[in-house]
Amino acid sequence: MNRHAITAVVRRELAGYFSSPTAYVFITLFVFLSGVAAFWNERFFARNLANLDTLNAWYPALLMFLVPAITMSSWAEERKQGTDELLLTLPAGEREILIGKFLGCCGIYAICLGFAGCHALVLAMLGRPDFGVMASTYFGYLLAGTALCGVGLAASTLSSNPTISFIASAAACGVLVSIGLLADLLGPGAGADLLRALSVPAHLESFGRGVVDLADAAYFVGVGALGVWAAVQIVRRRRAGALSIGLHAPVRLASLTVAVGALVVLLGRTGLRADATSERLWSVDASARRII
């Protein structure tokens, strides 16, 4: 793998994004909307707790629209301007170029999230927040955003129109965000548990409680990796002149999805997790272990 090519694409992506006023408008909008979700809510003051529970409830819905705004032009704009052919002449394959695009989108999102870190400072002014919980919450935000960046990148390769790419990305992210609502409608059962296990909010919940679960982290990493893999396959087939997708790529995608799901389930059964709370609220101390 050509690391120099990946680094060059990442730098190009970051420089291109922050060279226009759009980036700064987007950062302002990101901080404003997340701040509204966090503090402009009666529940925040009624609970009288210095945490981001109100933001946690709305954050997946925010990602459903904010992440596509980052990724929609990642490849669609390259196709629109014809610069995708120039990128593909680099001494690197489609995989390295799209990994660079993905890391560039993740870097943009991480910068936006860094500015949204001011919400923790607001909580520190209002009360005494648990900064371990804050750290795990923002780590969960970072993982969730990077996972959806992979999905958005795959959607961006489908069209040369950024608007169409935004709609496709928002729809794909919306499925991952809202599929848990369908599980609630189905009621208890294996099917509902499966749908809930596929949803982003279900895997983001533990981070908001101060628990860093390896299975949840693997879910987000797997979703992002599947998105990048799908983007590579789409660009590779278009470059080769294959007009139809055929059955091979969907079968491979389904197989990889099942493999990622199985890995998440196995890691969930291991119980490997870290308690980030300052008071170790989710840990069993030595005396309790002896009693058990």
C-alpha atoms as a PDB file:
ATOM      1  CA  MET A   1       0.000   0.000   0.000  1.00  0.00           C
ATOM      2  CA  ASN A   2       1.372   3.385  -1.065  1.00  0.00           C
ATOM      3  CA  ARG A   3       1.287   5.513   2.086  1.00  0.00           C
ATOM      4  CA  HIS A   4       2.682   8.571   0.320  1.00  0.00           C
ATOM      5  CA  ALA A   5      -0.228   8.562  -2.111  1.00  0.00           C
ATOM      6  CA  ILE A   6      -2.726   8.224   0.743  1.00  0.00           C
ATOM      7  CA  THR A   7      -1.104  11.129   2.599  1.00  0.00           C
ATOM      8  CA  ALA A   8      -1.150  13.277  -0.550  1.00  0.00           C
ATOM      9  CA  VAL A   9      -4.858  12.613  -1.100  1.00  0.00           C
ATOM     10  CA  VAL A  10      -5.643  13.390   2.548  1.00  0.00           C
ATOM     11  CA  ARG A  11      -3.787  16.708   2.360  1.00  0.00           C
ATOM     12  CA  ARG A  12      -5.506  17.561  -0.915  1.00  0.00           C
ATOM     13  CA  GLU A  13      -8.907  16.789   0.584  1.00  0.00           C
ATOM     14  CA  LEU A  14      -8.322  18.908   3.685  1.00  0.00           C
ATOM     15  CA  ALA A  15      -6.795  21.813   1.760  1.00  0.00           C
ATOM     16  CA  GLY A  16      -9.608  21.781  -0.795  1.00  0.00           C
ATOM     17  CA  TYR A  17     -12.314  21.748   1.853  1.00  0.00           C
ATOM     18  CA  PHE A  18     -10.915  24.483   4.093  1.00  0.00           C
ATOM     19  CA  SER A  19      -9.946  26.760   1.213  1.00  0.00           C
ATOM     20  CA  SER A  20     -13.597  27.764   0.780  1.00  0.00           C
ATOM     21  CA  PRO A  21     -15.948  29.613   3.154  1.00  0.00           C
ATOM     22  CA  THR A  22     -18.297  26.612   3.044  1.00  0.00           C
ATOM     23  CA  ALA A  23     -16.137  24.741   5.547  1.00  0.00           C
ATOM     24  CA  TYR A  24     -16.373  27.470   8.172  1.00  0.00           C
ATOM     25  CA  VAL A  25     -20.107  27.875   7.648  1.00  0.00           C
ATOM     26  CA  PHE A  26     -20.476  24.128   8.102  1.00  0.00           C
ATOM     27  CA  ILE A  27     -18.417  24.119  11.324  1.00  0.00           C
ATOM     28  CA  THR A  28     -20.537  26.942  12.701  1.00  0.00           C
ATOM     29  CA  LEU A  29     -23.715  25.091  11.757  1.00  0.00           C
ATOM     30  CA  PHE A  30     -22.404  21.861  13.274  1.00  0.00           C
ATOM     31  CA  VAL A  31     -21.576  23.508  16.605  1.00  0.00           C
ATOM     32  CA  PHE A  32     -24.851  25.464  16.637  1.00  0.00           C
ATOM     33  CA  LEU A  33     -27.117  22.487  15.928  1.00  0.00           C
ATOM     34  CA  SER A  34     -25.328  20.214  18.378  1.00  0.00           C
ATOM     35  CA  GLY A  35     -25.495  22.980  20.992  1.00  0.00           C
ATOM     36  CA  VAL A  36     -29.225  23.388  20.425  1.00  0.00           C
ATOM     37  CA  ALA A  37     -29.714  19.633  20.791  1.00  0.00           C
ATOM     38  CA  ALA A  38     -27.625  19.586  23.963  1.00  0.00           C
ATOM     39  CA  PHE A  39     -28.872  22.631  25.867  1.00  0.00           C
ATOM     40  CA  TRP A  40     -32.019  24.016  24.239  1.00  0.00           C
ATOM     41  CA  ASN A  41     -34.122  21.357  25.835  1.00  0.00           C
ATOM     42  CA  GLU A  42     -36.206  21.414  28.988  1.00  0.00           C
ATOM     43  CA  ARG A  43     -35.001  17.917  29.872  1.00  0.00           C
ATOM     44  CA  PHE A  44     -31.440  19.188  30.276  1.00  0.00           C
ATOM     45  CA  PHE A  45     -32.425  21.610  33.067  1.00  0.00           C
ATOM     46  CA  ALA A  46     -35.074  19.316  34.562  1.00  0.00           C
ATOM     47  CA  ARG A  47     -32.541  16.488  35.031  1.00  0.00           C
ATOM     48  CA  ASN A  48     -30.068  18.828  36.750  1.00  0.00           C
ATOM     49  CA  LEU A  49     -27.146  16.704  35.572  1.00  0.00           C
ATOM     50  CA  ALA A  50     -23.990  17.974  33.878  1.00  0.00           C
ATOM     51  CA  ASN A  51     -23.911  15.483  31.017  1.00  0.00           C
ATOM     52  CA  LEU A  52     -24.733  15.230  27.324  1.00  0.00           C
ATOM     53  CA  ASP A  53     -27.668  12.819  27.542  1.00  0.00           C
ATOM     54  CA  THR A  54     -29.940  15.205  25.629  1.00  0.00           C
ATOM     55  CA  LEU A  55     -27.367  15.508  22.836  1.00  0.00           C
ATOM     56  CA  ASN A  56     -26.860  11.729  22.773  1.00  0.00           C
ATOM     57  CA  ALA A  57     -30.536  11.288  21.948  1.00  0.00           C
ATOM     58  CA  TRP A  58     -30.311  13.580  18.915  1.00  0.00           C
ATOM     59  CA  TYR A  59     -26.740  13.097  17.748  1.00  0.00           C
ATOM     60  CA  PRO A  60     -27.372  10.137  15.381  1.00  0.00           C
ATOM     61  CA  ALA A  61     -30.096  12.170  13.650  1.00  0.00           C
ATOM     62  CA  LEU A  62     -27.666  15.076  13.274  1.00  0.00           C
ATOM     63  CA  LEU A  63     -25.068  12.764  11.731  1.00  0.00           C
ATOM     64  CA  MET A  64     -27.657  11.574   9.233  1.00  0.00           C
ATOM     65  CA  PHE A  65     -27.525  15.001   7.566  1.00  0.00           C
ATOM     66  CA  LEU A  66     -24.186  16.495   8.620  1.00  0.00           C
ATOM     67  CA  VAL A  67     -21.930  13.634   7.488  1.00  0.00           C
ATOM     68  CA  PRO A  68     -23.434  13.516   3.951  1.00  0.00           C
ATOM     69  CA  ALA A  69     -22.710  17.241   3.713  1.00  0.00           C
ATOM     70  CA  ILE A  70     -19.022  16.406   4.209  1.00  0.00           C
ATOM     71  CA  THR A  71     -18.829  13.388   1.903  1.00  0.00           C
ATOM     72  CA  MET A  72     -21.195  14.370  -0.924  1.00  0.00           C
ATOM     73  CA  SER A  73     -18.491  16.168  -2.929  1.00  0.00           C
ATOM     74  CA  SER A  74     -15.657  13.818  -2.070  1.00  0.00           C
ATOM     75  CA  TRP A  75     -15.830  11.818  -5.304  1.00  0.00           C
ATOM     76  CA  ALA A  76     -18.885  13.270  -7.049  1.00  0.00           C
ATOM     77  CA  GLU A  77     -17.162  16.633  -7.502  1.00  0.00           C
ATOM     78  CA  GLU A  78     -14.072  14.892  -8.886  1.00  0.00           C
ATOM     79  CA  ARG A  79     -16.234  13.174 -11.523  1.00  0.00           C
ATOM     80  CA  LYS A  80     -18.108  16.382 -12.259  1.00  0.00           C
ATOM     81  CA  GLN A  81     -14.891  18.314 -12.923  1.00  0.00           C
ATOM     82  CA  GLY A  82     -13.144  15.396 -14.609  1.00  0.00           C
ATOM     83  CA  THR A  83     -10.302  15.363 -12.096  1.00  0.00           C
ATOM     84  CA  ASP A  84     -11.020  11.769 -11.077  1.00  0.00           C
ATOM     85  CA  GLU A  85      -9.072  10.576 -14.108  1.00  0.00           C
ATOM     86  CA  LEU A  86      -6.149  12.705 -12.987  1.00  0.00           C
ATOM     87  CA  LEU A  87      -6.269  11.133  -9.522  1.00  0.00           C
ATOM     88  CA  LEU A  88      -6.316   7.675 -11.021  1.00  0.00           C
ATOM     89  CA  THR A  89      -3.072   8.408 -12.873  1.00  0.00           C
ATOM     90  CA  LEU A  90      -1.223   8.644  -9.556  1.00  0.00           C
ATOM     91  CA  PRO A  91       1.192   5.792  -8.755  1.00  0.00           C
ATOM     92  CA  ALA A  92      -1.489   4.222  -6.579  1.00  0.00           C
ATOM     93  CA  GLY A  93      -4.582   2.080  -7.016  1.00  0.00           C
ATOM     94  CA  GLU A  94      -8.211   2.890  -6.396  1.00  0.00           C
ATOM     95  CA  ARG A  95      -7.901   1.504  -2.875  1.00  0.00           C
ATOM     96  CA  GLU A  96      -5.183   3.943  -1.794  1.00  0.00           C
ATOM     97  CA  ILE A  97      -6.962   6.921  -3.372  1.00  0.00           C
ATOM     98  CA  LEU A  98     -10.307   6.147  -1.749  1.00  0.00           C
ATOM     99  CA  ILE A  99      -8.702   5.385   1.610  1.00  0.00           C
ATOM    100  CA  GLY A 100      -7.119   8.832   1.359  1.00  0.00           C
ATOM    101  CA  LYS A 101     -10.523  10.318   0.521  1.00  0.00           C
ATOM    102  CA  PHE A 102     -12.052   8.515   3.485  1.00  0.00           C
ATOM    103  CA  LEU A 103      -9.349   9.674   5.899  1.00  0.00           C
ATOM    104  CA  GLY A 104      -9.722  13.199   4.560  1.00  0.00           C
ATOM    105  CA  CYS A 105     -13.465  13.167   5.275  1.00  0.00           C
ATOM    106  CA  CYS A 106     -12.781  11.728   8.727  1.00  0.00           C
ATOM    107  CA  GLY A 107     -10.247  14.500   9.349  1.00  0.00           C
ATOM    108  CA  ILE A 108     -12.795  17.152   8.402  1.00  0.00           C
ATOM    109  CA  TYR A 109     -15.360  15.571  10.691  1.00  0.00           C
ATOM    110  CA  ALA A 110     -12.835  15.294  13.540  1.00  0.00           C
ATOM    111  CA  ILE A 111     -12.027  19.008  13.241  1.00  0.00           C
ATOM    112  CA  CYS A 112     -15.736  19.858  13.385  1.00  0.00           C
ATOM    113  CA  LEU A 113     -16.122  17.594  16.410  1.00  0.00           C
ATOM    114  CA  GLY A 114     -13.159  19.286  18.048  1.00  0.00           C
ATOM    115  CA  PHE A 115     -14.929  22.635  17.844  1.00  0.00           C
ATOM    116  CA  ALA A 116     -18.059  20.988  19.262  1.00  0.00           C
ATOM    117  CA  GLY A 117     -15.941  20.050  22.273  1.00  0.00           C
ATOM    118  CA  CYS A 118     -16.859  23.469  23.648  1.00  0.00           C
ATOM    119  CA  HIS A 119     -20.045  21.802  24.947  1.00  0.00           C
ATOM    120  CA  ALA A 120     -17.931  20.079  27.600  1.00  0.00           C
ATOM    121  CA  LEU A 121     -16.598  23.485  28.648  1.00  0.00           C
ATOM    122  CA  VAL A 122     -20.166  24.772  28.983  1.00  0.00           C
ATOM    123  CA  LEU A 123     -20.975  21.811  31.223  1.00  0.00           C
ATOM    124  CA  ALA A 124     -17.895  22.570  33.312  1.00  0.00           C
ATOM    125  CA  MET A 125     -19.166  26.103  33.811  1.00  0.00           C
ATOM    126  CA  LEU A 126     -22.644  24.899  34.783  1.00  0.00           C
ATOM    127  CA  GLY A 127     -21.684  22.020  37.040  1.00  0.00           C
ATOM    128  CA  ARG A 128     -19.181  19.250  37.692  1.00  0.00           C
ATOM    129  CA  PRO A 129     -19.251  16.836  34.764  1.00  0.00           C
ATOM    130  CA  ASP A 130     -17.500  13.491  34.751  1.00  0.00           C
ATOM    131  CA  PHE A 131     -14.747  14.101  32.211  1.00  0.00           C
ATOM    132  CA  GLY A 132     -14.248  10.361  31.795  1.00  0.00           C
ATOM    133  CA  VAL A 133     -17.809  10.133  30.543  1.00  0.00           C
ATOM    134  CA  MET A 134     -17.185  13.198  28.362  1.00  0.00           C
ATOM    135  CA  ALA A 135     -14.130  11.541  26.815  1.00  0.00           C
ATOM    136  CA  SER A 136     -15.951   8.279  26.090  1.00  0.00           C
ATOM    137  CA  THR A 137     -18.946  10.193  24.692  1.00  0.00           C
ATOM    138  CA  TYR A 138     -16.831  12.172  22.250  1.00  0.00           C
ATOM    139  CA  PHE A 139     -14.905   9.030  21.346  1.00  0.00           C
ATOM    140  CA  GLY A 140     -18.239   7.420  20.466  1.00  0.00           C
ATOM    141  CA  TYR A 141     -19.166  10.485  18.406  1.00  0.00           C
ATOM    142  CA  LEU A 142     -15.877  10.172  16.550  1.00  0.00           C
ATOM    143  CA  LEU A 143     -16.375   6.469  15.799  1.00  0.00           C
ATOM    144  CA  ALA A 144     -19.984   6.952  14.694  1.00  0.00           C
ATOM    145  CA  GLY A 145     -19.063   9.821  12.392  1.00  0.00           C
ATOM    146  CA  THR A 146     -16.162   7.979  10.790  1.00  0.00           C
ATOM    147  CA  ALA A 147     -18.368   4.935  10.195  1.00  0.00           C
ATOM    148  CA  LEU A 148     -20.948   7.044   8.383  1.00  0.00           C
ATOM    149  CA  CYS A 149     -18.153   8.784   6.450  1.00  0.00           C
ATOM    150  CA  GLY A 150     -17.438   5.413   4.859  1.00  0.00           C
ATOM    151  CA  VAL A 151     -21.097   5.038   3.924  1.00  0.00           C
ATOM    152  CA  GLY A 152     -21.176   8.595   2.562  1.00  0.00           C
ATOM    153  CA  LEU A 153     -18.041   8.004   0.485  1.00  0.00           C
ATOM    154  CA  ALA A 154     -19.640   4.972  -1.146  1.00  0.00           C
ATOM    155  CA  ALA A 155     -22.723   7.058  -1.949  1.00  0.00           C
ATOM    156  CA  SER A 156     -20.530   9.806  -3.417  1.00  0.00           C
ATOM    157  CA  THR A 157     -19.090   7.391  -5.985  1.00  0.00           C
ATOM    158  CA  LEU A 158     -22.538   6.595  -7.368  1.00  0.00           C
ATOM    159  CA  SER A 159     -23.089   9.893  -9.175  1.00  0.00           C
ATOM    160  CA  SER A 160     -21.292  12.932 -10.532  1.00  0.00           C
ATOM    161  CA  ASN A 161     -23.967  15.182  -9.013  1.00  0.00           C
ATOM    162  CA  PRO A 162     -23.159  16.168  -5.399  1.00  0.00           C
ATOM    163  CA  THR A 163     -26.836  16.762  -4.640  1.00  0.00           C
ATOM    164  CA  ILE A 164     -27.766  13.238  -5.692  1.00  0.00           C
ATOM    165  CA  SER A 165     -24.835  11.925  -3.677  1.00  0.00           C
ATOM    166  CA  PHE A 166     -26.060  13.843  -0.636  1.00  0.00           C
ATOM    167  CA  ILE A 167     -29.543  12.350  -0.961  1.00  0.00           C
ATOM    168  CA  ALA A 168     -28.159   8.825  -1.426  1.00  0.00           C
ATOM    169  CA  SER A 169     -25.814   9.224   1.534  1.00  0.00           C
ATOM    170  CA  ALA A 170     -28.539  10.666   3.771  1.00  0.00           C
ATOM    171  CA  ALA A 171     -30.827   7.783   2.828  1.00  0.00           C
ATOM    172  CA  ALA A 172     -28.167   5.155   3.575  1.00  0.00           C
ATOM    173  CA  CYS A 173     -27.203   6.818   6.861  1.00  0.00           C
ATOM    174  CA  GLY A 174     -30.886   7.212   7.695  1.00  0.00           C
ATOM    175  CA  VAL A 175     -31.386   3.453   7.424  1.00  0.00           C
ATOM    176  CA  LEU A 176     -28.572   2.787   9.896  1.00  0.00           C
ATOM    177  CA  VAL A 177     -29.837   5.478  12.257  1.00  0.00           C
ATOM    178  CA  SER A 178     -33.561   4.706  12.191  1.00  0.00           C
ATOM    179  CA  ILE A 179     -33.616   0.930  11.775  1.00  0.00           C
ATOM    180  CA  GLY A 180     -33.877   0.598  15.539  1.00  0.00           C
ATOM    181  CA  LEU A 181     -37.273   2.331  15.438  1.00  0.00           C
ATOM    182  CA  LEU A 182     -38.562  -0.529  13.295  1.00  0.00           C
ATOM    183  CA  ALA A 183     -37.351  -2.943  15.951  1.00  0.00           C
ATOM    184  CA  ASP A 184     -39.439  -1.088  18.531  1.00  0.00           C
ATOM    185  CA  LEU A 185     -42.505  -1.488  16.330  1.00  0.00           C
ATOM    186  CA  LEU A 186     -41.935  -5.231  15.927  1.00  0.00           C
ATOM    187  CA  GLY A 187     -41.798  -5.827  19.658  1.00  0.00           C
ATOM    188  CA  PRO A 188     -39.613  -8.360  21.476  1.00  0.00           C
ATOM    189  CA  GLY A 189     -38.113 -11.130  19.397  1.00  0.00           C
ATOM    190  CA  ALA A 190     -35.035 -12.271  17.506  1.00  0.00           C
ATOM    191  CA  GLY A 191     -35.867 -10.106  14.499  1.00  0.00           C
ATOM    192  CA  ALA A 192     -36.182  -6.992  16.623  1.00  0.00           C
ATOM    193  CA  ASP A 193     -32.892  -7.755  18.384  1.00  0.00           C
ATOM    194  CA  LEU A 194     -31.167  -8.124  15.014  1.00  0.00           C
ATOM    195  CA  LEU A 195     -32.498  -4.820  13.718  1.00  0.00           C
ATOM    196  CA  ARG A 196     -31.545  -3.085  16.935  1.00  0.00           C
ATOM    197  CA  ALA A 197     -28.027  -4.535  16.703  1.00  0.00           C
ATOM    198  CA  LEU A 198     -27.666  -2.979  13.245  1.00  0.00           C
ATOM    199  CA  SER A 199     -28.589   0.535  14.360  1.00  0.00           C
ATOM    200  CA  VAL A 200     -26.096   3.279  15.128  1.00  0.00           C
ATOM    201  CA  PRO A 201     -27.879   4.604  18.277  1.00  0.00           C
ATOM    202  CA  ALA A 202     -27.795   1.168  19.915  1.00  0.00           C
ATOM    203  CA  HIS A 203     -24.001   1.024  19.643  1.00  0.00           C
ATOM    204  CA  LEU A 204     -23.539   4.681  20.577  1.00  0.00           C
ATOM    205  CA  GLU A 205     -25.506   4.357  23.805  1.00  0.00           C
ATOM    206  CA  SER A 206     -22.805   2.712  25.904  1.00  0.00           C
ATOM    207  CA  PHE A 207     -20.263   5.431  25.064  1.00  0.00           C
ATOM    208  CA  GLY A 208     -22.675   8.026  26.449  1.00  0.00           C
ATOM    209  CA  ARG A 209     -22.790   6.103  29.745  1.00  0.00           C
ATOM    210  CA  GLY A 210     -19.009   6.083  30.051  1.00  0.00           C
ATOM    211  CA  VAL A 211     -18.442   2.525  28.825  1.00  0.00           C
ATOM    212  CA  VAL A 212     -16.079   1.846  25.908  1.00  0.00           C
ATOM    213  CA  ASP A 213     -17.232  -1.519  24.590  1.00  0.00           C
ATOM    214  CA  LEU A 214     -14.963  -3.325  22.127  1.00  0.00           C
ATOM    215  CA  ALA A 215     -17.969  -4.778  20.290  1.00  0.00           C
ATOM    216  CA  ASP A 216     -19.456  -1.326  19.701  1.00  0.00           C
ATOM    217  CA  ALA A 217     -16.116  -0.005  18.468  1.00  0.00           C
ATOM    218  CA  ALA A 218     -15.808  -2.996  16.126  1.00  0.00           C
ATOM    219  CA  TYR A 219     -19.272  -2.251  14.742  1.00  0.00           C
ATOM    220  CA  PHE A 220     -18.336   1.307  13.776  1.00  0.00           C
ATOM    221  CA  VAL A 221     -14.973   0.254  12.349  1.00  0.00           C
ATOM    222  CA  GLY A 222     -16.679  -2.505  10.368  1.00  0.00           C
ATOM    223  CA  VAL A 223     -19.338  -0.188   8.923  1.00  0.00           C
ATOM    224  CA  GLY A 224     -16.694   2.316   7.839  1.00  0.00           C
ATOM    225  CA  ALA A 225     -14.534  -0.421   6.292  1.00  0.00           C
ATOM    226  CA  LEU A 226     -17.499  -1.845   4.389  1.00  0.00           C
ATOM    227  CA  GLY A 227     -18.305   1.613   3.039  1.00  0.00           C
ATOM    228  CA  VAL A 228     -14.745   2.134   1.796  1.00  0.00           C
ATOM    229  CA  TRP A 229     -14.703  -1.358   0.264  1.00  0.00           C
ATOM    230  CA  ALA A 230     -17.959  -0.659  -1.581  1.00  0.00           C
ATOM    231  CA  ALA A 231     -16.575   2.657  -2.864  1.00  0.00           C
ATOM    232  CA  VAL A 232     -13.436   0.935  -4.158  1.00  0.00           C
ATOM    233  CA  GLN A 233     -15.491  -1.700  -5.980  1.00  0.00           C
ATOM    234  CA  ILE A 234     -17.746   0.907  -7.611  1.00  0.00           C
ATOM    235  CA  VAL A 235     -14.827   3.030  -8.852  1.00  0.00           C
ATOM    236  CA  ARG A 236     -12.878  -0.024  -9.973  1.00  0.00           C
ATOM    237  CA  ARG A 237     -15.754  -1.405 -12.033  1.00  0.00           C
ATOM    238  CA  ARG A 238     -16.511   1.971 -13.573  1.00  0.00           C
ATOM    239  CA  ARG A 239     -12.845   2.391 -14.488  1.00  0.00           C
ATOM    240  CA  ALA A 240     -12.829  -1.059 -16.068  1.00  0.00           C
ATOM    241  CA  GLY A 241     -15.907  -0.133 -18.110  1.00  0.00           C
ATOM    242  CA  ALA A 242     -18.262  -2.578 -16.406  1.00  0.00           C
ATOM    243  CA  LEU A 243     -21.721  -1.078 -16.731  1.00  0.00           C
ATOM    244  CA  SER A 244     -23.558  -3.678 -14.672  1.00  0.00           C
ATOM    245  CA  ILE A 245     -22.773  -4.662 -11.117  1.00  0.00           C
ATOM    246  CA  GLY A 246     -23.555  -8.358 -11.530  1.00  0.00           C
ATOM    247  CA  LEU A 247     -23.911 -10.790  -8.653  1.00  0.00           C
ATOM    248  CA  HIS A 248     -20.299 -11.132  -7.559  1.00  0.00           C
ATOM    249  CA  ALA A 249     -19.955  -7.767  -5.792  1.00  0.00           C
ATOM    250  CA  PRO A 250     -23.306  -7.926  -3.906  1.00  0.00           C
ATOM    251  CA  VAL A 251     -22.554 -11.459  -2.734  1.00  0.00           C
ATOM    252  CA  ARG A 252     -19.118 -10.402  -1.500  1.00  0.00           C
ATOM    253  CA  LEU A 253     -20.625  -7.372   0.242  1.00  0.00           C
ATOM    254  CA  ALA A 254     -23.246  -9.547   1.919  1.00  0.00           C
ATOM    255  CA  SER A 255     -20.567 -12.041   2.992  1.00  0.00           C
ATOM    256  CA  LEU A 256     -18.381  -9.288   4.436  1.00  0.00           C
ATOM    257  CA  THR A 257     -21.383  -7.807   6.229  1.00  0.00           C
ATOM    258  CA  VAL A 258     -22.185 -11.161   7.810  1.00  0.00           C
ATOM    259  CA  ALA A 259     -18.532 -11.580   8.805  1.00  0.00           C
ATOM    260  CA  VAL A 260     -18.467  -8.139  10.450  1.00  0.00           C
ATOM    261  CA  GLY A 261     -21.748  -8.879  12.238  1.00  0.00           C
ATOM    262  CA  ALA A 262     -20.423 -12.209  13.491  1.00  0.00           C
ATOM    263  CA  LEU A 263     -17.253 -10.512  14.764  1.00  0.00           C
ATOM    264  CA  VAL A 264     -19.306  -7.901  16.621  1.00  0.00           C
ATOM    265  CA  VAL A 265     -21.442 -10.628  18.224  1.00  0.00           C
ATOM    266  CA  LEU A 266     -18.377 -12.627  19.288  1.00  0.00           C
ATOM    267  CA  LEU A 267     -16.690  -9.565  20.755  1.00  0.00           C
ATOM    268  CA  GLY A 268     -19.907  -8.712  22.574  1.00  0.00           C
ATOM    269  CA  ARG A 269     -19.876 -12.125  24.245  1.00  0.00           C
ATOM    270  CA  THR A 270     -16.330 -11.616  25.491  1.00  0.00           C
ATOM    271  CA  GLY A 271     -17.420  -8.682  27.640  1.00  0.00           C
ATOM    272  CA  LEU A 272     -14.277  -6.711  26.815  1.00  0.00           C
ATOM    273  CA  ARG A 273     -15.014  -3.147  27.820  1.00  0.00           C
ATOM    274  CA  ALA A 274     -13.484  -0.256  29.713  1.00  0.00           C
ATOM    275  CA  ASP A 275     -15.179   1.806  32.396  1.00  0.00           C
ATOM    276  CA  ALA A 276     -14.300   5.447  31.757  1.00  0.00           C
ATOM    277  CA  THR A 277     -16.335   6.919  34.620  1.00  0.00           C
ATOM    278  CA  SER A 278     -14.330   8.578  37.378  1.00  0.00           C
ATOM    279  CA  GLU A 279     -16.228   6.665  40.095  1.00  0.00           C
ATOM    280  CA  ARG A 280     -16.047   3.298  38.263  1.00  0.00           C
ATOM    281  CA  LEU A 281     -19.840   3.058  38.169  1.00  0.00           C
ATOM    282  CA  TRP A 282     -19.885   0.177  35.699  1.00  0.00           C
ATOM    283  CA  SER A 283     -17.138  -1.888  37.300  1.00  0.00           C
ATOM    284  CA  VAL A 284     -17.278  -4.610  39.926  1.00  0.00           C
ATOM    285  CA  ASP A 285     -14.758  -4.031  42.706  1.00  0.00           C
ATOM    286  CA  ALA A 286     -12.707  -6.721  44.414  1.00  0.00           C
ATOM    287  CA  SER A 287     -15.031  -7.099  47.430  1.00  0.00           C
ATOM    288  CA  ALA A 288     -18.065  -7.597  45.182  1.00  0.00           C
ATOM    289  CA  ARG A 289     -16.167 -10.180  43.164  1.00  0.00           C
ATOM    290  CA  ARG A 290     -15.379 -12.140  46.306  1.00  0.00           C
ATOM    291  CA  ILE A 291     -19.044 -12.131  47.291  1.00  0.00           C
ATOM    292  CA  ILE A 292     -20.096 -13.296  43.831  1.00  0.00           C
END
